[in-house]
Amino acid sequence: MSSDQKDVNKDYLFLTCIGAGSFGKVHKAQSRATQKIYAIKEIDYAKMQEKERKLLVHECNTLKEMHHSHIVSYVDRYLEKSR
């Protein structure tokens, strides 16, 4: 299934908002399948300038390659189309 078709609300139970910034929020959430706790970064891509979008892509690509117990792990992405 492509990330465009997945529904984050079906896969995760959102527990609380743990932070907010200029472009979005970070939520504490629980996987419905495994019960593991995750931080989900919700980003409003439309509010970003081109430079910030490039930095976001770079951040995601970097995190995908990092595998260390002291660095946050990238798990997945979900895309929500504008309403």
PDB file of N, CA and C in Angstrom:
ATOM      1  N   MET A   1       0.854  -1.186   0.000  1.00  0.00           N
ATOM      2  CA  MET A   1       0.000   0.000   0.000  1.00  0.00           C
ATOM      3  C   MET A   1       0.890   1.236   0.000  1.00  0.00           C
ATOM      4  N   SER A   2       0.613   2.191  -0.843  1.00  0.00           N
ATOM      5  CA  SER A   2       1.421   3.404  -0.886  1.00  0.00           C
ATOM      6  C   SER A   2       1.070   4.303   0.292  1.00  0.00           C
ATOM      7  N   SER A   3       1.990   5.206   0.632  1.00  0.00           N
ATOM      8  CA  SER A   3       1.764   6.097   1.773  1.00  0.00           C
ATOM      9  C   SER A   3       0.583   7.030   1.530  1.00  0.00           C
ATOM     10  N   ASP A   4       0.207   7.237   0.251  1.00  0.00           N
ATOM     11  CA  ASP A   4      -0.943   8.090  -0.057  1.00  0.00           C
ATOM     12  C   ASP A   4      -2.255   7.453   0.389  1.00  0.00           C
ATOM     13  N   GLN A   5      -2.302   6.133   0.491  1.00  0.00           N
ATOM     14  CA  GLN A   5      -3.543   5.427   0.784  1.00  0.00           C
ATOM     15  C   GLN A   5      -3.676   5.042   2.252  1.00  0.00           C
ATOM     16  N   LYS A   6      -2.612   5.157   3.022  1.00  0.00           N
ATOM     17  CA  LYS A   6      -2.658   4.780   4.426  1.00  0.00           C
ATOM     18  C   LYS A   6      -3.361   5.872   5.232  1.00  0.00           C
ATOM     19  N   ASP A   7      -3.963   5.461   6.340  1.00  0.00           N
ATOM     20  CA  ASP A   7      -4.648   6.397   7.226  1.00  0.00           C
ATOM     21  C   ASP A   7      -3.984   6.344   8.599  1.00  0.00           C
ATOM     22  N   VAL A   8      -3.296   7.390   8.967  1.00  0.00           N
ATOM     23  CA  VAL A   8      -2.565   7.423  10.225  1.00  0.00           C
ATOM     24  C   VAL A   8      -3.503   7.203  11.411  1.00  0.00           C
ATOM     25  N   ASN A   9      -4.734   7.664  11.316  1.00  0.00           N
ATOM     26  CA  ASN A   9      -5.689   7.499  12.420  1.00  0.00           C
ATOM     27  C   ASN A   9      -6.140   6.057  12.593  1.00  0.00           C
ATOM     28  N   LYS A  10      -6.062   5.263  11.558  1.00  0.00           N
ATOM     29  CA  LYS A  10      -6.384   3.840  11.677  1.00  0.00           C
ATOM     30  C   LYS A  10      -5.215   3.059  12.263  1.00  0.00           C
ATOM     31  N   ASP A  11      -3.995   3.531  12.025  1.00  0.00           N
ATOM     32  CA  ASP A  11      -2.801   2.825  12.478  1.00  0.00           C
ATOM     33  C   ASP A  11      -2.341   3.247  13.876  1.00  0.00           C
ATOM     34  N   TYR A  12      -2.676   4.470  14.280  1.00  0.00           N
ATOM     35  CA  TYR A  12      -2.203   5.002  15.560  1.00  0.00           C
ATOM     36  C   TYR A  12      -3.334   5.640  16.348  1.00  0.00           C
ATOM     37  N   LEU A  13      -3.254   5.503  17.660  1.00  0.00           N
ATOM     38  CA  LEU A  13      -4.145   6.194  18.578  1.00  0.00           C
ATOM     39  C   LEU A  13      -3.386   7.407  19.099  1.00  0.00           C
ATOM     40  N   PHE A  14      -3.870   8.598  18.790  1.00  0.00           N
ATOM     41  CA  PHE A  14      -3.208   9.825  19.228  1.00  0.00           C
ATOM     42  C   PHE A  14      -3.543  10.068  20.695  1.00  0.00           C
ATOM     43  N   LEU A  15      -2.507  10.202  21.528  1.00  0.00           N
ATOM     44  CA  LEU A  15      -2.697  10.323  22.968  1.00  0.00           C
ATOM     45  C   LEU A  15      -2.668  11.770  23.445  1.00  0.00           C
ATOM     46  N   THR A  16      -1.667  12.526  23.026  1.00  0.00           N
ATOM     47  CA  THR A  16      -1.551  13.919  23.458  1.00  0.00           C
ATOM     48  C   THR A  16      -0.600  14.672  22.528  1.00  0.00           C
ATOM     49  N   CYS A  17      -0.741  15.975  22.506  1.00  0.00           N
ATOM     50  CA  CYS A  17       0.191  16.825  21.764  1.00  0.00           C
ATOM     51  C   CYS A  17       1.349  17.132  22.720  1.00  0.00           C
ATOM     52  N   ILE A  18       2.578  16.849  22.275  1.00  0.00           N
ATOM     53  CA  ILE A  18       3.731  17.058  23.154  1.00  0.00           C
ATOM     54  C   ILE A  18       4.604  18.235  22.723  1.00  0.00           C
ATOM     55  N   GLY A  19       4.227  18.883  21.615  1.00  0.00           N
ATOM     56  CA  GLY A  19       4.976  20.050  21.180  1.00  0.00           C
ATOM     57  C   GLY A  19       4.371  20.661  19.936  1.00  0.00           C
ATOM     58  N   ALA A  20       4.679  21.923  19.706  1.00  0.00           N
ATOM     59  CA  ALA A  20       4.171  22.617  18.522  1.00  0.00           C
ATOM     60  C   ALA A  20       5.189  23.651  18.076  1.00  0.00           C
ATOM     61  N   GLY A  21       5.194  23.907  16.770  1.00  0.00           N
ATOM     62  CA  GLY A  21       6.105  24.894  16.213  1.00  0.00           C
ATOM     63  C   GLY A  21       5.471  25.608  15.045  1.00  0.00           C
ATOM     64  N   SER A  22       6.291  26.276  14.258  1.00  0.00           N
ATOM     65  CA  SER A  22       5.806  27.084  13.143  1.00  0.00           C
ATOM     66  C   SER A  22       5.095  26.273  12.072  1.00  0.00           C
ATOM     67  N   PHE A  23       5.557  25.052  11.849  1.00  0.00           N
ATOM     68  CA  PHE A  23       5.033  24.264  10.736  1.00  0.00           C
ATOM     69  C   PHE A  23       4.222  23.048  11.157  1.00  0.00           C
ATOM     70  N   GLY A  24       4.005  22.851  12.441  1.00  0.00           N
ATOM     71  CA  GLY A  24       3.217  21.698  12.830  1.00  0.00           C
ATOM     72  C   GLY A  24       3.308  21.361  14.301  1.00  0.00           C
ATOM     73  N   LYS A  25       3.018  20.083  14.596  1.00  0.00           N
ATOM     74  CA  LYS A  25       2.939  19.594  15.970  1.00  0.00           C
ATOM     75  C   LYS A  25       3.626  18.236  16.072  1.00  0.00           C
ATOM     76  N   VAL A  26       3.944  17.863  17.303  1.00  0.00           N
ATOM     77  CA  VAL A  26       4.431  16.519  17.588  1.00  0.00           C
ATOM     78  C   VAL A  26       3.447  15.892  18.561  1.00  0.00           C
ATOM     79  N   HIS A  27       2.989  14.695  18.204  1.00  0.00           N
ATOM     80  CA  HIS A  27       2.006  13.981  19.015  1.00  0.00           C
ATOM     81  C   HIS A  27       2.608  12.715  19.602  1.00  0.00           C
ATOM     82  N   LYS A  28       2.226  12.398  20.821  1.00  0.00           N
ATOM     83  CA  LYS A  28       2.515  11.092  21.398  1.00  0.00           C
ATOM     84  C   LYS A  28       1.385  10.194  20.926  1.00  0.00           C
ATOM     85  N   ALA A  29       1.748   9.050  20.323  1.00  0.00           N
ATOM     86  CA  ALA A  29       0.739   8.163  19.765  1.00  0.00           C
ATOM     87  C   ALA A  29       1.113   6.710  20.025  1.00  0.00           C
ATOM     88  N   GLN A  30       0.104   5.854  20.002  1.00  0.00           N
ATOM     89  CA  GLN A  30       0.314   4.419  20.231  1.00  0.00           C
ATOM     90  C   GLN A  30      -0.098   3.640  18.998  1.00  0.00           C
ATOM     91  N   SER A  31       0.783   2.742  18.570  1.00  0.00           N
ATOM     92  CA  SER A  31       0.467   1.881  17.440  1.00  0.00           C
ATOM     93  C   SER A  31      -0.685   0.964  17.821  1.00  0.00           C
ATOM     94  N   ARG A  32      -1.690   0.918  16.998  1.00  0.00           N
ATOM     95  CA  ARG A  32      -2.827   0.035  17.262  1.00  0.00           C
ATOM     96  C   ARG A  32      -2.432  -1.433  17.071  1.00  0.00           C
ATOM     97  N   ALA A  33      -1.437  -1.696  16.230  1.00  0.00           N
ATOM     98  CA  ALA A  33      -1.013  -3.066  15.939  1.00  0.00           C
ATOM     99  C   ALA A  33      -0.071  -3.627  17.004  1.00  0.00           C
ATOM    100  N   THR A  34       0.881  -2.799  17.480  1.00  0.00           N
ATOM    101  CA  THR A  34       1.911  -3.308  18.393  1.00  0.00           C
ATOM    102  C   THR A  34       1.828  -2.749  19.803  1.00  0.00           C
ATOM    103  N   GLN A  35       1.031  -1.715  19.998  1.00  0.00           N
ATOM    104  CA  GLN A  35       0.902  -0.990  21.266  1.00  0.00           C
ATOM    105  C   GLN A  35       2.144  -0.172  21.624  1.00  0.00           C
ATOM    106  N   LYS A  36       3.155  -0.120  20.761  1.00  0.00           N
ATOM    107  CA  LYS A  36       4.344   0.691  21.010  1.00  0.00           C
ATOM    108  C   LYS A  36       3.984   2.172  20.952  1.00  0.00           C
ATOM    109  N   ILE A  37       4.742   2.966  21.700  1.00  0.00           N
ATOM    110  CA  ILE A  37       4.537   4.411  21.744  1.00  0.00           C
ATOM    111  C   ILE A  37       5.505   5.078  20.770  1.00  0.00           C
ATOM    112  N   TYR A  38       4.996   6.055  20.036  1.00  0.00           N
ATOM    113  CA  TYR A  38       5.788   6.793  19.047  1.00  0.00           C
ATOM    114  C   TYR A  38       5.528   8.282  19.182  1.00  0.00           C
ATOM    115  N   ALA A  39       6.452   9.061  18.656  1.00  0.00           N
ATOM    116  CA  ALA A  39       6.239  10.489  18.465  1.00  0.00           C
ATOM    117  C   ALA A  39       5.930  10.672  16.983  1.00  0.00           C
ATOM    118  N   ILE A  40       4.810  11.284  16.693  1.00  0.00           N
ATOM    119  CA  ILE A  40       4.413  11.530  15.306  1.00  0.00           C
ATOM    120  C   ILE A  40       4.517  13.023  15.043  1.00  0.00           C
ATOM    121  N   LYS A  41       5.343  13.354  14.060  1.00  0.00           N
ATOM    122  CA  LYS A  41       5.554  14.750  13.685  1.00  0.00           C
ATOM    123  C   LYS A  41       4.571  15.087  12.564  1.00  0.00           C
ATOM    124  N   GLU A  42       3.648  15.978  12.852  1.00  0.00           N
ATOM    125  CA  GLU A  42       2.639  16.424  11.881  1.00  0.00           C
ATOM    126  C   GLU A  42       3.106  17.761  11.311  1.00  0.00           C
ATOM    127  N   ILE A  43       3.294  17.811   9.998  1.00  0.00           N
ATOM    128  CA  ILE A  43       3.853  19.002   9.370  1.00  0.00           C
ATOM    129  C   ILE A  43       2.878  19.562   8.338  1.00  0.00           C
ATOM    130  N   ASP A  44       2.661  20.875   8.403  1.00  0.00           N
ATOM    131  CA  ASP A  44       1.837  21.559   7.406  1.00  0.00           C
ATOM    132  C   ASP A  44       2.763  22.044   6.288  1.00  0.00           C
ATOM    133  N   TYR A  45       2.914  21.195   5.295  1.00  0.00           N
ATOM    134  CA  TYR A  45       3.821  21.431   4.171  1.00  0.00           C
ATOM    135  C   TYR A  45       3.463  22.722   3.422  1.00  0.00           C
ATOM    136  N   ALA A  46       2.191  23.064   3.372  1.00  0.00           N
ATOM    137  CA  ALA A  46       1.733  24.248   2.634  1.00  0.00           C
ATOM    138  C   ALA A  46       2.263  25.547   3.238  1.00  0.00           C
ATOM    139  N   LYS A  47       2.567  25.552   4.523  1.00  0.00           N
ATOM    140  CA  LYS A  47       3.069  26.760   5.190  1.00  0.00           C
ATOM    141  C   LYS A  47       4.554  26.993   4.942  1.00  0.00           C
ATOM    142  N   MET A  48       5.226  26.023   4.340  1.00  0.00           N
ATOM    143  CA  MET A  48       6.678  26.095   4.177  1.00  0.00           C
ATOM    144  C   MET A  48       7.091  26.755   2.874  1.00  0.00           C
ATOM    145  N   GLN A  49       8.211  27.452   2.940  1.00  0.00           N
ATOM    146  CA  GLN A  49       8.848  27.982   1.744  1.00  0.00           C
ATOM    147  C   GLN A  49       9.674  26.852   1.118  1.00  0.00           C
ATOM    148  N   GLU A  50      10.136  27.051  -0.094  1.00  0.00           N
ATOM    149  CA  GLU A  50      10.910  26.019  -0.799  1.00  0.00           C
ATOM    150  C   GLU A  50      12.148  25.577  -0.010  1.00  0.00           C
ATOM    151  N   LYS A  51      12.845  26.515   0.601  1.00  0.00           N
ATOM    152  CA  LYS A  51      14.046  26.184   1.380  1.00  0.00           C
ATOM    153  C   LYS A  51      13.708  25.251   2.538  1.00  0.00           C
ATOM    154  N   GLU A  52      12.620  25.544   3.250  1.00  0.00           N
ATOM    155  CA  GLU A  52      12.212  24.714   4.383  1.00  0.00           C
ATOM    156  C   GLU A  52      11.767  23.331   3.913  1.00  0.00           C
ATOM    157  N   ARG A  53      11.115  23.262   2.769  1.00  0.00           N
ATOM    158  CA  ARG A  53      10.697  21.966   2.215  1.00  0.00           C
ATOM    159  C   ARG A  53      11.912  21.103   1.892  1.00  0.00           C
ATOM    160  N   LYS A  54      12.946  21.715   1.329  1.00  0.00           N
ATOM    161  CA  LYS A  54      14.175  20.972   1.016  1.00  0.00           C
ATOM    162  C   LYS A  54      14.843  20.474   2.293  1.00  0.00           C
ATOM    163  N   LEU A  55      14.848  21.307   3.329  1.00  0.00           N
ATOM    164  CA  LEU A  55      15.423  20.885   4.607  1.00  0.00           C
ATOM    165  C   LEU A  55      14.638  19.727   5.216  1.00  0.00           C
ATOM    166  N   LEU A  56      13.327  19.762   5.079  1.00  0.00           N
ATOM    167  CA  LEU A  56      12.485  18.673   5.576  1.00  0.00           C
ATOM    168  C   LEU A  56      12.804  17.360   4.865  1.00  0.00           C
ATOM    169  N   VAL A  57      12.911  17.404   3.550  1.00  0.00           N
ATOM    170  CA  VAL A  57      13.253  16.214   2.771  1.00  0.00           C
ATOM    171  C   VAL A  57      14.624  15.700   3.204  1.00  0.00           C
ATOM    172  N   HIS A  58      15.578  16.616   3.378  1.00  0.00           N
ATOM    173  CA  HIS A  58      16.918  16.226   3.821  1.00  0.00           C
ATOM    174  C   HIS A  58      16.872  15.573   5.205  1.00  0.00           C
ATOM    175  N   GLU A  59      16.087  16.137   6.120  1.00  0.00           N
ATOM    176  CA  GLU A  59      15.946  15.578   7.467  1.00  0.00           C
ATOM    177  C   GLU A  59      15.402  14.152   7.401  1.00  0.00           C
ATOM    178  N   CYS A  60      14.361  13.947   6.620  1.00  0.00           N
ATOM    179  CA  CYS A  60      13.760  12.606   6.496  1.00  0.00           C
ATOM    180  C   CYS A  60      14.752  11.615   5.903  1.00  0.00           C
ATOM    181  N   ASN A  61      15.421  12.013   4.849  1.00  0.00           N
ATOM    182  CA  ASN A  61      16.391  11.127   4.212  1.00  0.00           C
ATOM    183  C   ASN A  61      17.543  10.781   5.148  1.00  0.00           C
ATOM    184  N   THR A  62      17.988  11.755   5.930  1.00  0.00           N
ATOM    185  CA  THR A  62      19.065  11.512   6.895  1.00  0.00           C
ATOM    186  C   THR A  62      18.608  10.557   7.984  1.00  0.00           C
ATOM    187  N   LEU A  63      17.417  10.792   8.538  1.00  0.00           N
ATOM    188  CA  LEU A  63      16.906   9.923   9.599  1.00  0.00           C
ATOM    189  C   LEU A  63      16.677   8.494   9.116  1.00  0.00           C
ATOM    190  N   LYS A  64      16.282   8.322   7.867  1.00  0.00           N
ATOM    191  CA  LYS A  64      16.083   6.972   7.318  1.00  0.00           C
ATOM    192  C   LYS A  64      17.369   6.160   7.360  1.00  0.00           C
ATOM    193  N   GLU A  65      18.505   6.841   7.224  1.00  0.00           N
ATOM    194  CA  GLU A  65      19.804   6.164   7.169  1.00  0.00           C
ATOM    195  C   GLU A  65      20.453   5.981   8.537  1.00  0.00           C
ATOM    196  N   MET A  66      19.963   6.680   9.550  1.00  0.00           N
ATOM    197  CA  MET A  66      20.558   6.628  10.883  1.00  0.00           C
ATOM    198  C   MET A  66      19.994   5.445  11.664  1.00  0.00           C
ATOM    199  N   HIS A  67      20.896   4.696  12.268  1.00  0.00           N
ATOM    200  CA  HIS A  67      20.483   3.555  13.094  1.00  0.00           C
ATOM    201  C   HIS A  67      21.376   3.523  14.331  1.00  0.00           C
ATOM    202  N   HIS A  68      20.927   4.215  15.375  1.00  0.00           N
ATOM    203  CA  HIS A  68      21.705   4.327  16.603  1.00  0.00           C
ATOM    204  C   HIS A  68      20.739   4.455  17.768  1.00  0.00           C
ATOM    205  N   SER A  69      21.085   3.861  18.881  1.00  0.00           N
ATOM    206  CA  SER A  69      20.179   3.847  20.037  1.00  0.00           C
ATOM    207  C   SER A  69      19.940   5.237  20.642  1.00  0.00           C
ATOM    208  N   HIS A  70      20.786   6.210  20.338  1.00  0.00           N
ATOM    209  CA  HIS A  70      20.625   7.558  20.889  1.00  0.00           C
ATOM    210  C   HIS A  70      20.093   8.566  19.872  1.00  0.00           C
ATOM    211  N   ILE A  71      19.647   8.080  18.727  1.00  0.00           N
ATOM    212  CA  ILE A  71      19.095   8.946  17.691  1.00  0.00           C
ATOM    213  C   ILE A  71      17.691   8.455  17.349  1.00  0.00           C
ATOM    214  N   VAL A  72      16.763   9.384  17.258  1.00  0.00           N
ATOM    215  CA  VAL A  72      15.388   9.032  16.930  1.00  0.00           C
ATOM    216  C   VAL A  72      15.357   8.286  15.591  1.00  0.00           C
ATOM    217  N   SER A  73      14.504   7.281  15.500  1.00  0.00           N
ATOM    218  CA  SER A  73      14.397   6.481  14.269  1.00  0.00           C
ATOM    219  C   SER A  73      13.228   6.957  13.417  1.00  0.00           C
ATOM    220  N   TYR A  74      13.452   6.979  12.131  1.00  0.00           N
ATOM    221  CA  TYR A  74      12.393   7.293  11.162  1.00  0.00           C
ATOM    222  C   TYR A  74      11.651   5.994  10.903  1.00  0.00           C
ATOM    223  N   VAL A  75      10.319   6.009  11.014  1.00  0.00           N
ATOM    224  CA  VAL A  75       9.544   4.792  10.836  1.00  0.00           C
ATOM    225  C   VAL A  75       8.758   4.813   9.535  1.00  0.00           C
ATOM    226  N   ASP A  76       8.004   5.874   9.284  1.00  0.00           N
ATOM    227  CA  ASP A  76       7.117   5.887   8.121  1.00  0.00           C
ATOM    228  C   ASP A  76       6.635   7.305   7.876  1.00  0.00           C
ATOM    229  N   ARG A  77       5.904   7.472   6.766  1.00  0.00           N
ATOM    230  CA  ARG A  77       5.271   8.759   6.497  1.00  0.00           C
ATOM    231  C   ARG A  77       3.861   8.526   5.998  1.00  0.00           C
ATOM    232  N   TYR A  78       3.036   9.493   6.239  1.00  0.00           N
ATOM    233  CA  TYR A  78       1.648   9.486   5.780  1.00  0.00           C
ATOM    234  C   TYR A  78       1.393  10.823   5.097  1.00  0.00           C
ATOM    235  N   LEU A  79       0.678  10.795   4.010  1.00  0.00           N
ATOM    236  CA  LEU A  79       0.322  12.032   3.318  1.00  0.00           C
ATOM    237  C   LEU A  79      -1.179  12.238   3.417  1.00  0.00           C
ATOM    238  N   GLU A  80      -1.550  13.424   3.822  1.00  0.00           N
ATOM    239  CA  GLU A  80      -2.971  13.775   3.890  1.00  0.00           C
ATOM    240  C   GLU A  80      -3.214  14.878   2.881  1.00  0.00           C
ATOM    241  N   LYS A  81      -4.082  14.625   1.962  1.00  0.00           N
ATOM    242  CA  LYS A  81      -4.415  15.634   0.946  1.00  0.00           C
ATOM    243  C   LYS A  81      -5.225  16.749   1.569  1.00  0.00           C
ATOM    244  N   SER A  82      -5.073  17.943   1.056  1.00  0.00           N
ATOM    245  CA  SER A  82      -5.839  19.087   1.554  1.00  0.00           C
ATOM    246  C   SER A  82      -7.323  18.843   1.411  1.00  0.00           C
ATOM    247  N   ARG A  83      -8.063  19.361   2.364  1.00  0.00           N
ATOM    248  CA  ARG A  83      -9.516  19.168   2.352  1.00  0.00           C
ATOM    249  C   ARG A  83     -10.195  20.174   1.481  1.00  0.00           C
TER     250      ARG A  83
END
